[in-house]
Amino acid sequence: MPEPTPCPADGPIRFGYPSSPRTAQDILASAGLSEDRAVLAPYDLADPFSALRRGELDVVVVKFGPQEPDLVTSRVLHFESRAVVVGARHPLAERDTVSVEEVAAYDAFDRPGDFPEYLWDEIVPRRTPQGRPIHRRHRVSGIPEMMALVVQSDAVHLSVASLADMAPPAIRVVPVHDLPPVPVCLAWYRHAELPGHVAQFIAAAEAASPVAASG
């Protein structure tokens, strides 16, 4: 494991996010920080924690509660609703909301790259609550490739509602009403010293969250 890249004590927070930057922007705002106090960067979904481990990021947005021994996670800051990504011509595209039992009728996506299998089982469960198998047949490297395949086929991707922020016109992101909402936290690398201003940001984000405060 290479030595983590040090972050300047008074430099911008190197803040990673998994897909849409909106969640990271909202967390910054809730902590009372302007966006110029951070450098926002998407991280690689095929290896989602590698940038933290290499010291290229100070802190990242994580969803679905990762359990990595070398990462520390904050308290839950908020919850995000579940949704399914489909093409605009898909049979589910014009629905106001769908059941995951309906989604299971269509081929879904397997995990990209080295994405942790236990986490992917939370994102795209192997079975629906009623026991119907979800066929995870497609494998891609990231969100743009996933959306391209969704447009061209009847494939579906179970995810979260914030993917609507980056969906092109040929994509629909439809709420899924019978999967539980997703916990959203911050995570950082356990074996690197956390700069003081980053620790202050995390504490402010937790203090501003009614979910974290109630925990």
C-alpha atoms as a PDB file:
ATOM      1  CA  MET A   1       0.000   0.000   0.000  1.00  0.00           C
ATOM      2  CA  PRO A   2       1.580   3.349  -1.023  1.00  0.00           C
ATOM      3  CA  GLU A   3       1.931   6.110   1.534  1.00  0.00           C
ATOM      4  CA  PRO A   4      -1.143   8.393   1.537  1.00  0.00           C
ATOM      5  CA  THR A   5      -0.708  11.725  -0.203  1.00  0.00           C
ATOM      6  CA  PRO A   6      -0.743  14.432   2.487  1.00  0.00           C
ATOM      7  CA  CYS A   7      -3.455  17.077   2.400  1.00  0.00           C
ATOM      8  CA  PRO A   8      -2.410  20.674   3.156  1.00  0.00           C
ATOM      9  CA  ALA A   9      -3.642  21.625   6.618  1.00  0.00           C
ATOM     10  CA  ASP A  10      -5.542  24.621   5.306  1.00  0.00           C
ATOM     11  CA  GLY A  11      -6.209  23.392   1.764  1.00  0.00           C
ATOM     12  CA  PRO A  12      -9.572  22.559   0.244  1.00  0.00           C
ATOM     13  CA  ILE A  13     -11.285  19.369   1.356  1.00  0.00           C
ATOM     14  CA  ARG A  14     -10.761  16.667  -1.243  1.00  0.00           C
ATOM     15  CA  PHE A  15     -14.299  15.325  -1.280  1.00  0.00           C
ATOM     16  CA  GLY A  16     -15.341  12.305  -3.343  1.00  0.00           C
ATOM     17  CA  TYR A  17     -18.803  11.231  -4.402  1.00  0.00           C
ATOM     18  CA  PRO A  18     -20.131   8.108  -6.181  1.00  0.00           C
ATOM     19  CA  SER A  19     -22.350   9.455  -8.965  1.00  0.00           C
ATOM     20  CA  SER A  20     -24.205  12.761  -8.789  1.00  0.00           C
ATOM     21  CA  PRO A  21     -22.369  15.593  -6.975  1.00  0.00           C
ATOM     22  CA  ARG A  22     -25.635  16.879  -5.481  1.00  0.00           C
ATOM     23  CA  THR A  23     -25.354  14.802  -2.315  1.00  0.00           C
ATOM     24  CA  ALA A  24     -21.836  16.098  -1.656  1.00  0.00           C
ATOM     25  CA  GLN A  25     -22.947  19.671  -2.361  1.00  0.00           C
ATOM     26  CA  ASP A  26     -25.891  19.316   0.026  1.00  0.00           C
ATOM     27  CA  ILE A  27     -23.657  17.945   2.790  1.00  0.00           C
ATOM     28  CA  LEU A  28     -21.222  20.828   2.358  1.00  0.00           C
ATOM     29  CA  ALA A  29     -24.077  23.328   2.561  1.00  0.00           C
ATOM     30  CA  SER A  30     -25.560  21.675   5.649  1.00  0.00           C
ATOM     31  CA  ALA A  31     -22.147  21.929   7.339  1.00  0.00           C
ATOM     32  CA  GLY A  32     -22.020  25.643   6.546  1.00  0.00           C
ATOM     33  CA  LEU A  33     -19.279  25.407   3.927  1.00  0.00           C
ATOM     34  CA  SER A  34     -19.276  26.944   0.475  1.00  0.00           C
ATOM     35  CA  GLU A  35     -18.260  24.810  -2.483  1.00  0.00           C
ATOM     36  CA  ASP A  36     -14.983  26.702  -2.848  1.00  0.00           C
ATOM     37  CA  ARG A  37     -13.872  25.081   0.416  1.00  0.00           C
ATOM     38  CA  ALA A  38     -13.780  21.698  -1.315  1.00  0.00           C
ATOM     39  CA  VAL A  39     -12.611  20.010  -4.476  1.00  0.00           C
ATOM     40  CA  LEU A  40     -15.408  17.656  -5.531  1.00  0.00           C
ATOM     41  CA  ALA A  41     -14.381  14.565  -7.479  1.00  0.00           C
ATOM     42  CA  PRO A  42     -16.284  11.473  -8.622  1.00  0.00           C
ATOM     43  CA  TYR A  43     -14.625   8.255  -7.556  1.00  0.00           C
ATOM     44  CA  ASP A  44     -14.222   5.078  -9.559  1.00  0.00           C
ATOM     45  CA  LEU A  45     -17.196   2.776  -8.968  1.00  0.00           C
ATOM     46  CA  ALA A  46     -15.169  -0.194 -10.180  1.00  0.00           C
ATOM     47  CA  ASP A  47     -12.834   0.285  -7.183  1.00  0.00           C
ATOM     48  CA  PRO A  48     -14.703   2.743  -4.983  1.00  0.00           C
ATOM     49  CA  PHE A  49     -12.345   3.113  -2.022  1.00  0.00           C
ATOM     50  CA  SER A  50      -8.993   3.070  -3.811  1.00  0.00           C
ATOM     51  CA  ALA A  51      -8.652   6.880  -3.958  1.00  0.00           C
ATOM     52  CA  LEU A  52      -9.163   7.088  -0.182  1.00  0.00           C
ATOM     53  CA  ARG A  53      -6.590   4.375   0.407  1.00  0.00           C
ATOM     54  CA  ARG A  54      -4.065   6.084  -1.853  1.00  0.00           C
ATOM     55  CA  GLY A  55      -4.578   9.377  -0.033  1.00  0.00           C
ATOM     56  CA  GLU A  56      -5.973  11.141  -3.100  1.00  0.00           C
ATOM     57  CA  LEU A  57      -9.216  12.012  -1.294  1.00  0.00           C
ATOM     58  CA  ASP A  58      -9.786  13.090   2.307  1.00  0.00           C
ATOM     59  CA  VAL A  59     -13.391  11.996   2.681  1.00  0.00           C
ATOM     60  CA  VAL A  60     -16.097  10.513   0.470  1.00  0.00           C
ATOM     61  CA  VAL A  61     -19.853  10.135   0.374  1.00  0.00           C
ATOM     62  CA  VAL A  62     -20.833   6.491   0.866  1.00  0.00           C
ATOM     63  CA  LYS A  63     -24.199   4.801   0.648  1.00  0.00           C
ATOM     64  CA  PHE A  64     -25.536   1.417   1.765  1.00  0.00           C
ATOM     65  CA  GLY A  65     -23.215   1.202   4.796  1.00  0.00           C
ATOM     66  CA  PRO A  66     -19.833  -0.169   3.690  1.00  0.00           C
ATOM     67  CA  GLN A  67     -18.069  -2.395   6.225  1.00  0.00           C
ATOM     68  CA  GLU A  68     -14.393  -2.036   5.312  1.00  0.00           C
ATOM     69  CA  PRO A  69     -11.897  -2.617   8.173  1.00  0.00           C
ATOM     70  CA  ASP A  70      -9.608   0.203   7.047  1.00  0.00           C
ATOM     71  CA  LEU A  71     -12.359   2.809   6.642  1.00  0.00           C
ATOM     72  CA  VAL A  72     -14.158   4.876   9.263  1.00  0.00           C
ATOM     73  CA  THR A  73     -17.724   6.008   8.631  1.00  0.00           C
ATOM     74  CA  SER A  74     -19.672   8.862  10.136  1.00  0.00           C
ATOM     75  CA  ARG A  75     -23.093   8.560  11.628  1.00  0.00           C
ATOM     76  CA  VAL A  76     -25.907   8.397   9.074  1.00  0.00           C
ATOM     77  CA  LEU A  77     -26.521  11.898   7.722  1.00  0.00           C
ATOM     78  CA  HIS A  78     -29.713  11.199   5.800  1.00  0.00           C
ATOM     79  CA  PHE A  79     -31.514   8.579   3.750  1.00  0.00           C
ATOM     80  CA  GLU A  80     -32.023   8.449  -0.007  1.00  0.00           C
ATOM     81  CA  SER A  81     -34.967   6.858  -1.796  1.00  0.00           C
ATOM     82  CA  ARG A  82     -34.573   3.877  -4.100  1.00  0.00           C
ATOM     83  CA  ALA A  83     -35.217   4.079  -7.831  1.00  0.00           C
ATOM     84  CA  VAL A  84     -34.756   2.117 -11.031  1.00  0.00           C
ATOM     85  CA  VAL A  85     -33.004   3.407 -14.145  1.00  0.00           C
ATOM     86  CA  VAL A  86     -34.751   2.484 -17.414  1.00  0.00           C
ATOM     87  CA  GLY A  87     -34.770   3.677 -20.998  1.00  0.00           C
ATOM     88  CA  ALA A  88     -37.441   6.165 -22.048  1.00  0.00           C
ATOM     89  CA  ARG A  89     -39.163   3.466 -24.156  1.00  0.00           C
ATOM     90  CA  HIS A  90     -39.082   0.822 -21.433  1.00  0.00           C
ATOM     91  CA  PRO A  91     -42.460  -0.579 -20.285  1.00  0.00           C
ATOM     92  CA  LEU A  92     -41.851   0.899 -16.799  1.00  0.00           C
ATOM     93  CA  ALA A  93     -40.671   4.312 -18.000  1.00  0.00           C
ATOM     94  CA  GLU A  94     -43.940   6.231 -17.682  1.00  0.00           C
ATOM     95  CA  ARG A  95     -44.877   4.885 -14.266  1.00  0.00           C
ATOM     96  CA  ASP A  96     -44.986   7.217 -11.262  1.00  0.00           C
ATOM     97  CA  THR A  97     -43.615   4.425  -9.082  1.00  0.00           C
ATOM     98  CA  VAL A  98     -42.881   0.713  -9.437  1.00  0.00           C
ATOM     99  CA  SER A  99     -42.437  -2.356  -7.264  1.00  0.00           C
ATOM    100  CA  VAL A 100     -39.140  -4.196  -7.179  1.00  0.00           C
ATOM    101  CA  GLU A 101     -41.217  -7.296  -7.915  1.00  0.00           C
ATOM    102  CA  GLU A 102     -41.966  -5.764 -11.335  1.00  0.00           C
ATOM    103  CA  VAL A 103     -38.355  -4.729 -11.843  1.00  0.00           C
ATOM    104  CA  ALA A 104     -37.284  -8.369 -11.406  1.00  0.00           C
ATOM    105  CA  ALA A 105     -38.918  -9.239 -14.729  1.00  0.00           C
ATOM    106  CA  TYR A 106     -36.017  -7.544 -16.530  1.00  0.00           C
ATOM    107  CA  ASP A 107     -32.283  -8.215 -16.654  1.00  0.00           C
ATOM    108  CA  ALA A 108     -30.253  -6.127 -14.196  1.00  0.00           C
ATOM    109  CA  PHE A 109     -26.568  -5.315 -13.709  1.00  0.00           C
ATOM    110  CA  ASP A 110     -23.814  -7.135 -11.871  1.00  0.00           C
ATOM    111  CA  ARG A 111     -21.154  -5.269  -9.892  1.00  0.00           C
ATOM    112  CA  PRO A 112     -18.532  -3.272 -11.775  1.00  0.00           C
ATOM    113  CA  GLY A 113     -14.869  -4.231 -11.410  1.00  0.00           C
ATOM    114  CA  ASP A 114     -13.783  -4.756  -7.809  1.00  0.00           C
ATOM    115  CA  PHE A 115     -16.868  -3.202  -6.258  1.00  0.00           C
ATOM    116  CA  PRO A 116     -17.444  -5.113  -2.978  1.00  0.00           C
ATOM    117  CA  GLU A 117     -19.870  -7.965  -3.540  1.00  0.00           C
ATOM    118  CA  TYR A 118     -21.608  -7.555  -0.174  1.00  0.00           C
ATOM    119  CA  LEU A 119     -22.379  -3.911  -1.015  1.00  0.00           C
ATOM    120  CA  TRP A 120     -23.678  -4.761  -4.484  1.00  0.00           C
ATOM    121  CA  ASP A 121     -26.056  -7.221  -2.852  1.00  0.00           C
ATOM    122  CA  GLU A 122     -27.563  -4.204  -1.082  1.00  0.00           C
ATOM    123  CA  ILE A 123     -27.781  -2.125  -4.255  1.00  0.00           C
ATOM    124  CA  VAL A 124     -29.065  -4.876  -6.543  1.00  0.00           C
ATOM    125  CA  PRO A 125     -30.346  -7.651  -4.259  1.00  0.00           C
ATOM    126  CA  ARG A 126     -30.190 -11.211  -5.494  1.00  0.00           C
ATOM    127  CA  ARG A 127     -33.875 -11.666  -4.709  1.00  0.00           C
ATOM    128  CA  THR A 128     -36.895  -9.468  -4.170  1.00  0.00           C
ATOM    129  CA  PRO A 129     -38.668  -9.359  -0.780  1.00  0.00           C
ATOM    130  CA  GLN A 130     -41.102 -11.979  -2.123  1.00  0.00           C
ATOM    131  CA  GLY A 131     -38.247 -14.254  -3.205  1.00  0.00           C
ATOM    132  CA  ARG A 132     -38.227 -13.582  -6.931  1.00  0.00           C
ATOM    133  CA  PRO A 133     -34.682 -13.774  -8.373  1.00  0.00           C
ATOM    134  CA  ILE A 134     -33.139 -10.641  -9.845  1.00  0.00           C
ATOM    135  CA  HIS A 135     -31.018 -11.658 -12.821  1.00  0.00           C
ATOM    136  CA  ARG A 136     -27.791  -9.641 -12.730  1.00  0.00           C
ATOM    137  CA  ARG A 137     -26.659 -10.405 -16.272  1.00  0.00           C
ATOM    138  CA  HIS A 138     -24.986  -7.209 -17.480  1.00  0.00           C
ATOM    139  CA  ARG A 139     -21.581  -6.036 -16.324  1.00  0.00           C
ATOM    140  CA  VAL A 140     -20.215  -2.596 -17.144  1.00  0.00           C
ATOM    141  CA  SER A 141     -17.456  -0.364 -15.811  1.00  0.00           C
ATOM    142  CA  GLY A 142     -19.463   2.679 -14.773  1.00  0.00           C
ATOM    143  CA  ILE A 143     -22.598   4.773 -14.961  1.00  0.00           C
ATOM    144  CA  PRO A 144     -22.254   6.159 -18.525  1.00  0.00           C
ATOM    145  CA  GLU A 145     -21.824   2.637 -19.935  1.00  0.00           C
ATOM    146  CA  MET A 146     -24.763   1.404 -17.850  1.00  0.00           C
ATOM    147  CA  MET A 147     -27.022   4.195 -19.110  1.00  0.00           C
ATOM    148  CA  ALA A 148     -25.988   3.557 -22.722  1.00  0.00           C
ATOM    149  CA  LEU A 149     -26.985  -0.102 -22.415  1.00  0.00           C
ATOM    150  CA  VAL A 150     -30.256   0.785 -20.678  1.00  0.00           C
ATOM    151  CA  VAL A 151     -31.203   3.072 -23.587  1.00  0.00           C
ATOM    152  CA  GLN A 152     -30.507   0.307 -26.109  1.00  0.00           C
ATOM    153  CA  SER A 153     -32.341  -2.527 -24.326  1.00  0.00           C
ATOM    154  CA  ASP A 154     -34.883  -3.520 -21.681  1.00  0.00           C
ATOM    155  CA  ALA A 155     -32.142  -3.737 -19.032  1.00  0.00           C
ATOM    156  CA  VAL A 156     -32.817  -2.051 -15.689  1.00  0.00           C
ATOM    157  CA  HIS A 157     -30.544  -0.763 -12.962  1.00  0.00           C
ATOM    158  CA  LEU A 158     -31.671  -0.605  -9.340  1.00  0.00           C
ATOM    159  CA  SER A 159     -30.066   2.390  -7.690  1.00  0.00           C
ATOM    160  CA  VAL A 160     -30.985   5.626  -5.910  1.00  0.00           C
ATOM    161  CA  ALA A 161     -33.072   8.634  -6.856  1.00  0.00           C
ATOM    162  CA  SER A 162     -30.127  11.029  -7.243  1.00  0.00           C
ATOM    163  CA  LEU A 163     -29.111   9.327 -10.495  1.00  0.00           C
ATOM    164  CA  ALA A 164     -31.858  11.441 -12.058  1.00  0.00           C
ATOM    165  CA  ASP A 165     -29.460  14.398 -11.757  1.00  0.00           C
ATOM    166  CA  MET A 166     -27.183  12.934 -14.410  1.00  0.00           C
ATOM    167  CA  ALA A 167     -29.695  11.095 -16.587  1.00  0.00           C
ATOM    168  CA  PRO A 168     -29.851  12.112 -20.268  1.00  0.00           C
ATOM    169  CA  PRO A 169     -33.243  12.680 -21.960  1.00  0.00           C
ATOM    170  CA  ALA A 170     -33.413   9.061 -23.144  1.00  0.00           C
ATOM    171  CA  ILE A 171     -33.336   7.785 -19.531  1.00  0.00           C
ATOM    172  CA  ARG A 172     -36.038   7.663 -16.866  1.00  0.00           C
ATOM    173  CA  VAL A 173     -35.353   7.223 -13.143  1.00  0.00           C
ATOM    174  CA  VAL A 174     -38.515   5.788 -11.588  1.00  0.00           C
ATOM    175  CA  PRO A 175     -39.081   5.560  -7.811  1.00  0.00           C
ATOM    176  CA  VAL A 176     -39.190   2.052  -6.304  1.00  0.00           C
ATOM    177  CA  HIS A 177     -41.644   2.122  -3.415  1.00  0.00           C
ATOM    178  CA  ASP A 178     -41.011  -1.234  -1.746  1.00  0.00           C
ATOM    179  CA  LEU A 179     -37.267  -1.152  -1.082  1.00  0.00           C
ATOM    180  CA  PRO A 180     -36.012   0.616   2.054  1.00  0.00           C
ATOM    181  CA  PRO A 181     -34.266   3.981   1.723  1.00  0.00           C
ATOM    182  CA  VAL A 182     -30.483   4.031   1.667  1.00  0.00           C
ATOM    183  CA  PRO A 183     -28.308   5.413   4.494  1.00  0.00           C
ATOM    184  CA  VAL A 184     -25.874   8.128   3.407  1.00  0.00           C
ATOM    185  CA  CYS A 185     -22.652   8.661   5.400  1.00  0.00           C
ATOM    186  CA  LEU A 186     -19.149  10.022   5.075  1.00  0.00           C
ATOM    187  CA  ALA A 187     -16.096   7.743   5.084  1.00  0.00           C
ATOM    188  CA  TRP A 188     -12.354   8.283   5.441  1.00  0.00           C
ATOM    189  CA  TYR A 189      -9.194   6.182   5.644  1.00  0.00           C
ATOM    190  CA  ARG A 190      -8.458   4.824   9.105  1.00  0.00           C
ATOM    191  CA  HIS A 191      -4.675   4.690   8.717  1.00  0.00           C
ATOM    192  CA  ALA A 192      -4.070   8.317   7.708  1.00  0.00           C
ATOM    193  CA  GLU A 193      -4.177  11.327  10.001  1.00  0.00           C
ATOM    194  CA  LEU A 194      -7.345  13.275   9.312  1.00  0.00           C
ATOM    195  CA  PRO A 195      -6.559  16.980   8.763  1.00  0.00           C
ATOM    196  CA  GLY A 196      -8.178  19.224  11.352  1.00  0.00           C
ATOM    197  CA  HIS A 197     -10.353  21.129   8.898  1.00  0.00           C
ATOM    198  CA  VAL A 198     -11.645  17.847   7.449  1.00  0.00           C
ATOM    199  CA  ALA A 199     -12.492  16.544  10.935  1.00  0.00           C
ATOM    200  CA  GLN A 200     -14.305  19.828  11.641  1.00  0.00           C
ATOM    201  CA  PHE A 201     -16.312  19.436   8.434  1.00  0.00           C
ATOM    202  CA  ILE A 202     -17.361  15.892   9.353  1.00  0.00           C
ATOM    203  CA  ALA A 203     -18.373  17.007  12.857  1.00  0.00           C
ATOM    204  CA  ALA A 204     -20.370  19.926  11.427  1.00  0.00           C
ATOM    205  CA  ALA A 205     -22.135  17.646   8.943  1.00  0.00           C
ATOM    206  CA  GLU A 206     -23.113  15.264  11.735  1.00  0.00           C
ATOM    207  CA  ALA A 207     -24.263  18.124  13.971  1.00  0.00           C
ATOM    208  CA  ALA A 208     -26.433  19.546  11.178  1.00  0.00           C
ATOM    209  CA  SER A 209     -28.139  16.230  10.460  1.00  0.00           C
ATOM    210  CA  PRO A 210     -31.363  15.480  12.350  1.00  0.00           C
ATOM    211  CA  VAL A 211     -30.782  11.788  11.628  1.00  0.00           C
ATOM    212  CA  ALA A 212     -27.281  11.784  13.140  1.00  0.00           C
ATOM    213  CA  ALA A 213     -28.388  13.944  16.064  1.00  0.00           C
ATOM    214  CA  SER A 214     -31.209  11.539  16.915  1.00  0.00           C
ATOM    215  CA  GLY A 215     -28.772   8.615  16.896  1.00  0.00           C
END
